[in-house]
Amino acid sequence: MARPELSPHHITIQYACARRGLPAAQTLRRIATAALEDMPPSALLIRLLDAPESALLNQQYRGKSGPTNVLSFVLHAPYDQHLTYLGDILICAPVVISEAQTQGKSVRAHCAHMVVHGVLHLRGHDHLTDHEATVMEALETRILNQLAYSNPYE
């Protein structure tokens, strides 16, 4: 039996909400690792949280009311000599589940999109302008296709 490929990245997964119906930690790590392609060894946190925590953080850090699907917090600080801590990705499970149902997607596929989207933010990508959005969406689509997920924008 082949051994799974080891990732040079340290990806911590936290479930701060009910786990039922959400992707397993191993799946989330695999998705994040794909979005970290060509990066030196890095570390990050993916936290799946509930709506109240998401709403609190969305208000505190973005000045916006209510929960949101994904928040990314970039940190530019050395983790150790061989590992750079990129930051935190916070995914609001109830919002992602609701959006997946509304958009006719699987929760797993929509969660994969949020992980890739969050990692790309940690890598410095944004979507504030039309050009930035076009570049970021193309990267998201390419990475998700490599993982056998369909284009999230179709």
N, C-alpha and C. Protein backbone atom coordinates (compact mmCIF):
# COMPACT_ATOMS: atom_id res chain seq x y z
N MET A 1 0.85 -1.18 0.00
CA MET A 1 0.00 0.00 0.00
C MET A 1 0.90 1.24 0.00
N ALA A 2 0.56 2.20 -0.86
CA ALA A 2 1.35 3.43 -0.96
C ALA A 2 1.09 4.32 0.25
N ARG A 3 2.16 4.95 0.71
CA ARG A 3 2.04 5.88 1.84
C ARG A 3 1.57 7.22 1.31
N PRO A 4 0.74 7.92 2.08
CA PRO A 4 0.32 9.25 1.63
C PRO A 4 1.52 10.18 1.58
N GLU A 5 1.48 11.09 0.61
CA GLU A 5 2.57 12.05 0.46
C GLU A 5 2.58 13.00 1.66
N LEU A 6 3.76 13.19 2.22
CA LEU A 6 3.89 14.09 3.36
C LEU A 6 3.95 15.53 2.89
N SER A 7 3.28 16.39 3.57
CA SER A 7 3.26 17.81 3.23
C SER A 7 4.37 18.52 3.99
N PRO A 8 5.05 19.47 3.33
CA PRO A 8 6.04 20.26 4.05
C PRO A 8 5.40 21.32 4.94
N HIS A 9 4.08 21.41 4.88
CA HIS A 9 3.34 22.45 5.60
C HIS A 9 2.73 21.89 6.89
N HIS A 10 2.61 22.77 7.86
CA HIS A 10 1.95 22.42 9.12
C HIS A 10 0.59 23.11 9.13
N ILE A 11 -0.46 22.33 8.97
CA ILE A 11 -1.81 22.88 8.88
C ILE A 11 -2.63 22.35 10.05
N THR A 12 -3.00 23.25 10.93
CA THR A 12 -3.78 22.89 12.11
C THR A 12 -5.26 23.06 11.78
N ILE A 13 -6.05 22.08 12.15
CA ILE A 13 -7.50 22.14 11.93
C ILE A 13 -8.19 22.16 13.28
N GLN A 14 -9.10 23.11 13.46
CA GLN A 14 -9.91 23.19 14.67
C GLN A 14 -11.39 23.18 14.29
N TYR A 15 -12.16 22.38 14.99
CA TYR A 15 -13.61 22.38 14.84
C TYR A 15 -14.20 23.03 16.09
N ALA A 16 -14.70 24.24 15.94
CA ALA A 16 -15.34 24.94 17.05
C ALA A 16 -16.84 25.00 16.79
N CYS A 17 -17.35 23.93 16.19
CA CYS A 17 -18.77 23.81 15.86
C CYS A 17 -19.06 22.33 15.68
N ALA A 18 -20.30 21.99 15.43
CA ALA A 18 -20.65 20.60 15.17
C ALA A 18 -19.94 20.14 13.89
N ARG A 19 -19.36 18.95 13.93
CA ARG A 19 -18.58 18.44 12.80
C ARG A 19 -19.42 17.69 11.77
N ARG A 20 -20.61 17.33 12.13
CA ARG A 20 -21.46 16.52 11.24
C ARG A 20 -21.63 17.20 9.88
N GLY A 21 -21.33 16.45 8.83
CA GLY A 21 -21.49 16.95 7.46
C GLY A 21 -20.33 17.78 6.94
N LEU A 22 -19.34 18.05 7.79
CA LEU A 22 -18.18 18.85 7.37
C LEU A 22 -17.04 17.92 6.94
N PRO A 23 -16.18 18.41 6.04
CA PRO A 23 -15.05 17.59 5.62
C PRO A 23 -14.14 17.24 6.80
N ALA A 24 -13.49 16.09 6.70
CA ALA A 24 -12.54 15.64 7.71
C ALA A 24 -11.29 16.51 7.69
N ALA A 25 -10.59 16.54 8.79
CA ALA A 25 -9.37 17.34 8.90
C ALA A 25 -8.37 16.95 7.82
N GLN A 26 -8.23 15.68 7.53
CA GLN A 26 -7.30 15.22 6.49
C GLN A 26 -7.66 15.82 5.13
N THR A 27 -8.93 15.89 4.82
CA THR A 27 -9.40 16.47 3.56
C THR A 27 -9.07 17.96 3.51
N LEU A 28 -9.32 18.66 4.59
CA LEU A 28 -9.03 20.10 4.64
C LEU A 28 -7.54 20.36 4.47
N ARG A 29 -6.71 19.52 5.08
CA ARG A 29 -5.25 19.66 4.93
C ARG A 29 -4.83 19.44 3.48
N ARG A 30 -5.40 18.44 2.84
CA ARG A 30 -5.07 18.15 1.43
C ARG A 30 -5.44 19.33 0.54
N ILE A 31 -6.58 19.93 0.78
CA ILE A 31 -7.03 21.08 -0.01
C ILE A 31 -6.10 22.27 0.21
N ALA A 32 -5.80 22.55 1.47
CA ALA A 32 -4.91 23.68 1.78
C ALA A 32 -3.53 23.46 1.19
N THR A 33 -3.03 22.24 1.26
CA THR A 33 -1.71 21.93 0.71
C THR A 33 -1.68 22.19 -0.80
N ALA A 34 -2.74 21.86 -1.49
CA ALA A 34 -2.81 22.13 -2.94
C ALA A 34 -2.74 23.62 -3.21
N ALA A 35 -3.38 24.42 -2.36
CA ALA A 35 -3.37 25.88 -2.55
C ALA A 35 -2.04 26.50 -2.12
N LEU A 36 -1.21 25.73 -1.44
CA LEU A 36 0.11 26.22 -1.02
C LEU A 36 1.22 25.75 -1.97
N GLU A 37 0.84 25.26 -3.14
CA GLU A 37 1.84 24.76 -4.09
C GLU A 37 2.92 25.81 -4.33
N ASP A 38 4.13 25.34 -4.49
CA ASP A 38 5.29 26.19 -4.77
C ASP A 38 5.64 27.13 -3.62
N MET A 39 5.08 26.92 -2.45
CA MET A 39 5.41 27.73 -1.28
C MET A 39 6.46 27.01 -0.45
N PRO A 40 7.35 27.77 0.18
CA PRO A 40 8.26 27.12 1.12
C PRO A 40 7.45 26.58 2.30
N PRO A 41 8.03 25.72 3.13
CA PRO A 41 7.28 25.19 4.27
C PRO A 41 6.60 26.31 5.06
N SER A 42 5.33 26.12 5.29
CA SER A 42 4.50 27.15 5.92
C SER A 42 3.57 26.51 6.95
N ALA A 43 3.02 27.34 7.80
CA ALA A 43 2.03 26.88 8.78
C ALA A 43 0.83 27.80 8.72
N LEU A 44 -0.33 27.22 8.99
CA LEU A 44 -1.56 28.00 9.07
C LEU A 44 -2.58 27.24 9.89
N LEU A 45 -3.61 27.94 10.26
CA LEU A 45 -4.72 27.37 11.03
C LEU A 45 -5.99 27.49 10.19
N ILE A 46 -6.76 26.42 10.15
CA ILE A 46 -8.12 26.45 9.59
C ILE A 46 -9.05 26.13 10.74
N ARG A 47 -9.93 27.07 11.05
CA ARG A 47 -10.88 26.90 12.16
C ARG A 47 -12.28 26.96 11.59
N LEU A 48 -13.04 25.90 11.79
CA LEU A 48 -14.44 25.88 11.42
C LEU A 48 -15.22 26.29 12.66
N LEU A 49 -16.03 27.32 12.50
CA LEU A 49 -16.69 27.90 13.67
C LEU A 49 -18.17 28.09 13.45
N ASP A 50 -18.85 28.49 14.51
CA ASP A 50 -20.29 28.69 14.45
C ASP A 50 -20.62 30.14 14.07
N ALA A 51 -21.89 30.40 13.84
CA ALA A 51 -22.34 31.73 13.39
C ALA A 51 -22.07 32.83 14.41
N PRO A 52 -22.31 32.63 15.71
CA PRO A 52 -22.05 33.73 16.66
C PRO A 52 -20.58 34.17 16.67
N GLU A 53 -19.66 33.21 16.64
CA GLU A 53 -18.24 33.57 16.64
C GLU A 53 -17.87 34.30 15.34
N SER A 54 -18.38 33.81 14.22
CA SER A 54 -18.11 34.46 12.94
C SER A 54 -18.66 35.88 12.92
N ALA A 55 -19.88 36.06 13.42
CA ALA A 55 -20.48 37.40 13.45
C ALA A 55 -19.67 38.35 14.33
N LEU A 56 -19.22 37.87 15.46
CA LEU A 56 -18.42 38.69 16.37
C LEU A 56 -17.12 39.14 15.68
N LEU A 57 -16.43 38.21 15.05
CA LEU A 57 -15.17 38.53 14.38
C LEU A 57 -15.38 39.40 13.14
N ASN A 58 -16.46 39.15 12.41
CA ASN A 58 -16.77 39.96 11.24
C ASN A 58 -17.04 41.41 11.64
N GLN A 59 -17.75 41.60 12.74
CA GLN A 59 -18.03 42.94 13.24
C GLN A 59 -16.75 43.60 13.77
N GLN A 60 -16.00 42.85 14.55
CA GLN A 60 -14.80 43.40 15.17
C GLN A 60 -13.72 43.77 14.16
N TYR A 61 -13.51 42.94 13.15
CA TYR A 61 -12.38 43.16 12.24
C TYR A 61 -12.76 43.76 10.89
N ARG A 62 -14.03 43.66 10.50
CA ARG A 62 -14.43 44.21 9.20
C ARG A 62 -15.53 45.26 9.34
N GLY A 63 -16.07 45.42 10.53
CA GLY A 63 -17.14 46.39 10.74
C GLY A 63 -18.43 46.00 10.06
N LYS A 64 -18.62 44.71 9.81
CA LYS A 64 -19.82 44.23 9.11
C LYS A 64 -20.64 43.35 10.04
N SER A 65 -21.97 43.50 9.95
CA SER A 65 -22.88 42.73 10.81
C SER A 65 -23.08 41.33 10.27
N GLY A 66 -23.27 40.40 11.19
CA GLY A 66 -23.62 39.04 10.84
C GLY A 66 -22.42 38.18 10.48
N PRO A 67 -22.66 36.87 10.43
CA PRO A 67 -21.58 35.94 10.09
C PRO A 67 -21.26 36.01 8.60
N THR A 68 -20.07 35.57 8.24
CA THR A 68 -19.64 35.51 6.84
C THR A 68 -19.03 34.15 6.58
N ASN A 69 -18.95 33.76 5.32
CA ASN A 69 -18.49 32.41 5.01
C ASN A 69 -17.03 32.16 5.39
N VAL A 70 -16.13 33.10 5.08
CA VAL A 70 -14.71 32.88 5.38
C VAL A 70 -14.03 34.20 5.72
N LEU A 71 -13.19 34.14 6.73
CA LEU A 71 -12.34 35.27 7.11
C LEU A 71 -10.89 34.77 7.09
N SER A 72 -10.01 35.60 6.58
CA SER A 72 -8.58 35.26 6.57
C SER A 72 -7.82 36.34 7.32
N PHE A 73 -6.96 35.92 8.20
CA PHE A 73 -6.13 36.83 8.97
C PHE A 73 -4.67 36.52 8.68
N VAL A 74 -4.02 37.39 7.94
CA VAL A 74 -2.63 37.20 7.54
C VAL A 74 -1.71 37.60 8.69
N LEU A 75 -0.69 36.81 8.92
CA LEU A 75 0.32 37.13 9.91
C LEU A 75 1.68 36.99 9.26
N HIS A 76 2.45 38.07 9.26
CA HIS A 76 3.79 38.03 8.69
C HIS A 76 4.79 38.03 9.84
N ALA A 77 5.03 36.85 10.38
CA ALA A 77 5.97 36.72 11.49
C ALA A 77 6.64 35.36 11.40
N PRO A 78 7.89 35.26 11.77
CA PRO A 78 8.55 33.95 11.70
C PRO A 78 7.96 32.98 12.69
N TYR A 79 7.75 31.78 12.25
CA TYR A 79 7.24 30.71 13.12
C TYR A 79 8.43 29.99 13.74
N ASP A 80 9.37 29.62 12.92
CA ASP A 80 10.68 29.15 13.35
C ASP A 80 11.61 29.25 12.15
N GLN A 81 12.78 28.69 12.21
CA GLN A 81 13.76 28.86 11.15
C GLN A 81 13.32 28.24 9.83
N HIS A 82 12.50 27.22 9.88
CA HIS A 82 12.14 26.48 8.67
C HIS A 82 10.67 26.61 8.29
N LEU A 83 9.91 27.31 9.08
CA LEU A 83 8.48 27.35 8.87
C LEU A 83 7.97 28.77 9.05
N THR A 84 7.19 29.24 8.13
CA THR A 84 6.62 30.57 8.22
C THR A 84 5.13 30.44 8.50
N TYR A 85 4.66 31.11 9.57
CA TYR A 85 3.24 31.09 9.90
C TYR A 85 2.54 32.12 9.03
N LEU A 86 1.64 31.65 8.17
CA LEU A 86 0.95 32.52 7.22
C LEU A 86 -0.22 33.25 7.86
N GLY A 87 -0.99 32.56 8.71
CA GLY A 87 -2.14 33.19 9.33
C GLY A 87 -3.25 32.18 9.59
N ASP A 88 -4.45 32.71 9.79
CA ASP A 88 -5.61 31.90 10.16
C ASP A 88 -6.72 32.05 9.13
N ILE A 89 -7.39 30.95 8.86
CA ILE A 89 -8.57 30.93 8.00
C ILE A 89 -9.73 30.47 8.88
N LEU A 90 -10.76 31.30 8.96
CA LEU A 90 -11.93 30.99 9.79
C LEU A 90 -13.13 30.78 8.87
N ILE A 91 -13.68 29.59 8.90
CA ILE A 91 -14.80 29.23 8.04
C ILE A 91 -16.04 29.03 8.89
N CYS A 92 -17.09 29.75 8.58
CA CYS A 92 -18.34 29.65 9.33
C CYS A 92 -19.17 28.51 8.74
N ALA A 93 -19.20 27.39 9.45
CA ALA A 93 -19.87 26.20 8.95
C ALA A 93 -21.34 26.43 8.60
N PRO A 94 -22.16 27.07 9.46
CA PRO A 94 -23.56 27.26 9.09
C PRO A 94 -23.75 28.09 7.83
N VAL A 95 -22.92 29.10 7.62
CA VAL A 95 -23.04 29.92 6.42
C VAL A 95 -22.65 29.11 5.19
N VAL A 96 -21.55 28.36 5.28
CA VAL A 96 -21.10 27.54 4.15
C VAL A 96 -22.15 26.48 3.80
N ILE A 97 -22.73 25.86 4.81
CA ILE A 97 -23.77 24.85 4.57
C ILE A 97 -24.98 25.49 3.89
N SER A 98 -25.41 26.64 4.38
CA SER A 98 -26.55 27.34 3.79
C SER A 98 -26.26 27.77 2.35
N GLU A 99 -25.08 28.34 2.13
CA GLU A 99 -24.71 28.78 0.77
C GLU A 99 -24.65 27.58 -0.19
N ALA A 100 -24.09 26.47 0.28
CA ALA A 100 -24.00 25.28 -0.57
C ALA A 100 -25.39 24.83 -1.00
N GLN A 101 -26.32 24.81 -0.06
CA GLN A 101 -27.69 24.39 -0.39
C GLN A 101 -28.33 25.37 -1.37
N THR A 102 -28.17 26.66 -1.13
CA THR A 102 -28.75 27.69 -2.02
C THR A 102 -28.16 27.62 -3.42
N GLN A 103 -26.84 27.35 -3.50
CA GLN A 103 -26.14 27.33 -4.79
C GLN A 103 -26.16 25.96 -5.46
N GLY A 104 -26.79 24.97 -4.83
CA GLY A 104 -26.88 23.64 -5.41
C GLY A 104 -25.54 22.92 -5.47
N LYS A 105 -24.67 23.17 -4.47
CA LYS A 105 -23.35 22.53 -4.41
C LYS A 105 -23.31 21.61 -3.20
N SER A 106 -22.35 20.72 -3.21
CA SER A 106 -22.14 19.91 -2.01
C SER A 106 -21.43 20.78 -0.97
N VAL A 107 -21.66 20.47 0.29
CA VAL A 107 -20.98 21.18 1.38
C VAL A 107 -19.47 20.98 1.23
N ARG A 108 -19.07 19.78 0.90
CA ARG A 108 -17.65 19.47 0.73
C ARG A 108 -17.01 20.35 -0.34
N ALA A 109 -17.67 20.51 -1.49
CA ALA A 109 -17.13 21.33 -2.57
C ALA A 109 -17.08 22.80 -2.17
N HIS A 110 -18.11 23.29 -1.51
CA HIS A 110 -18.13 24.70 -1.12
C HIS A 110 -17.09 24.96 -0.03
N CYS A 111 -16.93 24.03 0.88
CA CYS A 111 -15.92 24.16 1.92
C CYS A 111 -14.52 24.15 1.29
N ALA A 112 -14.31 23.31 0.29
CA ALA A 112 -13.03 23.27 -0.43
C ALA A 112 -12.75 24.64 -1.05
N HIS A 113 -13.78 25.24 -1.64
CA HIS A 113 -13.62 26.56 -2.23
C HIS A 113 -13.22 27.59 -1.18
N MET A 114 -13.85 27.54 -0.01
CA MET A 114 -13.54 28.50 1.04
C MET A 114 -12.11 28.32 1.56
N VAL A 115 -11.65 27.07 1.64
CA VAL A 115 -10.26 26.82 2.07
C VAL A 115 -9.30 27.41 1.05
N VAL A 116 -9.51 27.11 -0.22
CA VAL A 116 -8.62 27.62 -1.28
C VAL A 116 -8.66 29.15 -1.29
N HIS A 117 -9.85 29.72 -1.20
CA HIS A 117 -10.01 31.17 -1.19
C HIS A 117 -9.23 31.78 -0.02
N GLY A 118 -9.39 31.18 1.16
CA GLY A 118 -8.69 31.68 2.34
C GLY A 118 -7.18 31.57 2.21
N VAL A 119 -6.69 30.45 1.71
CA VAL A 119 -5.25 30.27 1.55
C VAL A 119 -4.70 31.31 0.56
N LEU A 120 -5.42 31.55 -0.52
CA LEU A 120 -4.95 32.54 -1.49
C LEU A 120 -4.89 33.94 -0.87
N HIS A 121 -5.82 34.26 0.01
CA HIS A 121 -5.72 35.53 0.74
C HIS A 121 -4.45 35.55 1.59
N LEU A 122 -4.16 34.45 2.28
CA LEU A 122 -2.94 34.39 3.09
C LEU A 122 -1.69 34.53 2.23
N ARG A 123 -1.79 34.11 0.98
CA ARG A 123 -0.65 34.21 0.05
C ARG A 123 -0.56 35.60 -0.58
N GLY A 124 -1.48 36.49 -0.25
CA GLY A 124 -1.40 37.86 -0.73
C GLY A 124 -2.35 38.22 -1.85
N HIS A 125 -3.18 37.30 -2.27
CA HIS A 125 -4.15 37.59 -3.33
C HIS A 125 -5.37 38.29 -2.73
N ASP A 126 -6.04 39.07 -3.57
CA ASP A 126 -7.25 39.76 -3.13
C ASP A 126 -8.19 39.89 -4.32
N HIS A 127 -9.36 40.45 -4.08
CA HIS A 127 -10.37 40.61 -5.13
C HIS A 127 -11.05 41.97 -5.01
N LEU A 128 -10.26 42.98 -4.67
CA LEU A 128 -10.82 44.33 -4.50
C LEU A 128 -11.09 45.02 -5.83
N THR A 129 -10.30 44.68 -6.85
CA THR A 129 -10.52 45.25 -8.18
C THR A 129 -10.97 44.13 -9.12
N ASP A 130 -11.51 44.51 -10.28
CA ASP A 130 -11.92 43.50 -11.25
C ASP A 130 -10.74 42.63 -11.69
N HIS A 131 -9.59 43.25 -11.91
CA HIS A 131 -8.41 42.49 -12.34
C HIS A 131 -7.98 41.50 -11.25
N GLU A 132 -7.91 41.96 -10.00
CA GLU A 132 -7.54 41.08 -8.89
C GLU A 132 -8.53 39.91 -8.77
N ALA A 133 -9.81 40.22 -8.92
CA ALA A 133 -10.83 39.18 -8.81
C ALA A 133 -10.68 38.15 -9.93
N THR A 134 -10.40 38.61 -11.13
CA THR A 134 -10.22 37.70 -12.27
C THR A 134 -9.03 36.77 -12.03
N VAL A 135 -7.93 37.32 -11.56
CA VAL A 135 -6.73 36.52 -11.28
C VAL A 135 -7.01 35.51 -10.17
N MET A 136 -7.62 35.98 -9.08
CA MET A 136 -7.88 35.11 -7.93
C MET A 136 -8.87 34.00 -8.29
N GLU A 137 -9.93 34.33 -9.00
CA GLU A 137 -10.92 33.33 -9.40
C GLU A 137 -10.31 32.28 -10.32
N ALA A 138 -9.42 32.69 -11.21
CA ALA A 138 -8.76 31.73 -12.10
C ALA A 138 -7.87 30.77 -11.30
N LEU A 139 -7.16 31.31 -10.32
CA LEU A 139 -6.33 30.45 -9.46
C LEU A 139 -7.20 29.48 -8.67
N GLU A 140 -8.28 29.98 -8.08
CA GLU A 140 -9.19 29.13 -7.32
C GLU A 140 -9.71 27.99 -8.19
N THR A 141 -10.15 28.34 -9.38
CA THR A 141 -10.72 27.34 -10.29
C THR A 141 -9.69 26.30 -10.67
N ARG A 142 -8.46 26.73 -10.98
CA ARG A 142 -7.40 25.80 -11.37
C ARG A 142 -7.07 24.84 -10.23
N ILE A 143 -6.91 25.37 -9.02
CA ILE A 143 -6.59 24.53 -7.87
C ILE A 143 -7.72 23.56 -7.57
N LEU A 144 -8.94 24.04 -7.58
CA LEU A 144 -10.09 23.17 -7.31
C LEU A 144 -10.23 22.09 -8.39
N ASN A 145 -9.98 22.44 -9.65
CA ASN A 145 -10.03 21.44 -10.72
C ASN A 145 -8.98 20.36 -10.51
N GLN A 146 -7.79 20.74 -10.05
CA GLN A 146 -6.73 19.76 -9.75
C GLN A 146 -7.18 18.79 -8.65
N LEU A 147 -8.05 19.25 -7.79
CA LEU A 147 -8.56 18.42 -6.70
C LEU A 147 -9.87 17.71 -7.07
N ALA A 148 -10.26 17.81 -8.34
CA ALA A 148 -11.48 17.17 -8.88
C ALA A 148 -12.77 17.85 -8.42
N TYR A 149 -12.69 19.14 -8.11
CA TYR A 149 -13.89 19.94 -7.83
C TYR A 149 -14.19 20.79 -9.06
N SER A 150 -15.46 21.05 -9.32
CA SER A 150 -15.83 21.85 -10.48
C SER A 150 -15.62 23.34 -10.21
N ASN A 151 -15.72 24.13 -11.25
CA ASN A 151 -15.57 25.58 -11.18
C ASN A 151 -16.63 26.14 -10.21
N PRO A 152 -16.20 26.80 -9.14
CA PRO A 152 -17.17 27.30 -8.15
C PRO A 152 -17.97 28.51 -8.64
N TYR A 153 -17.56 29.09 -9.77
CA TYR A 153 -18.23 30.29 -10.26
C TYR A 153 -19.23 29.99 -11.38
N GLU A 154 -19.40 28.73 -11.71
CA GLU A 154 -20.38 28.38 -12.76
C GLU A 154 -21.70 28.02 -12.12
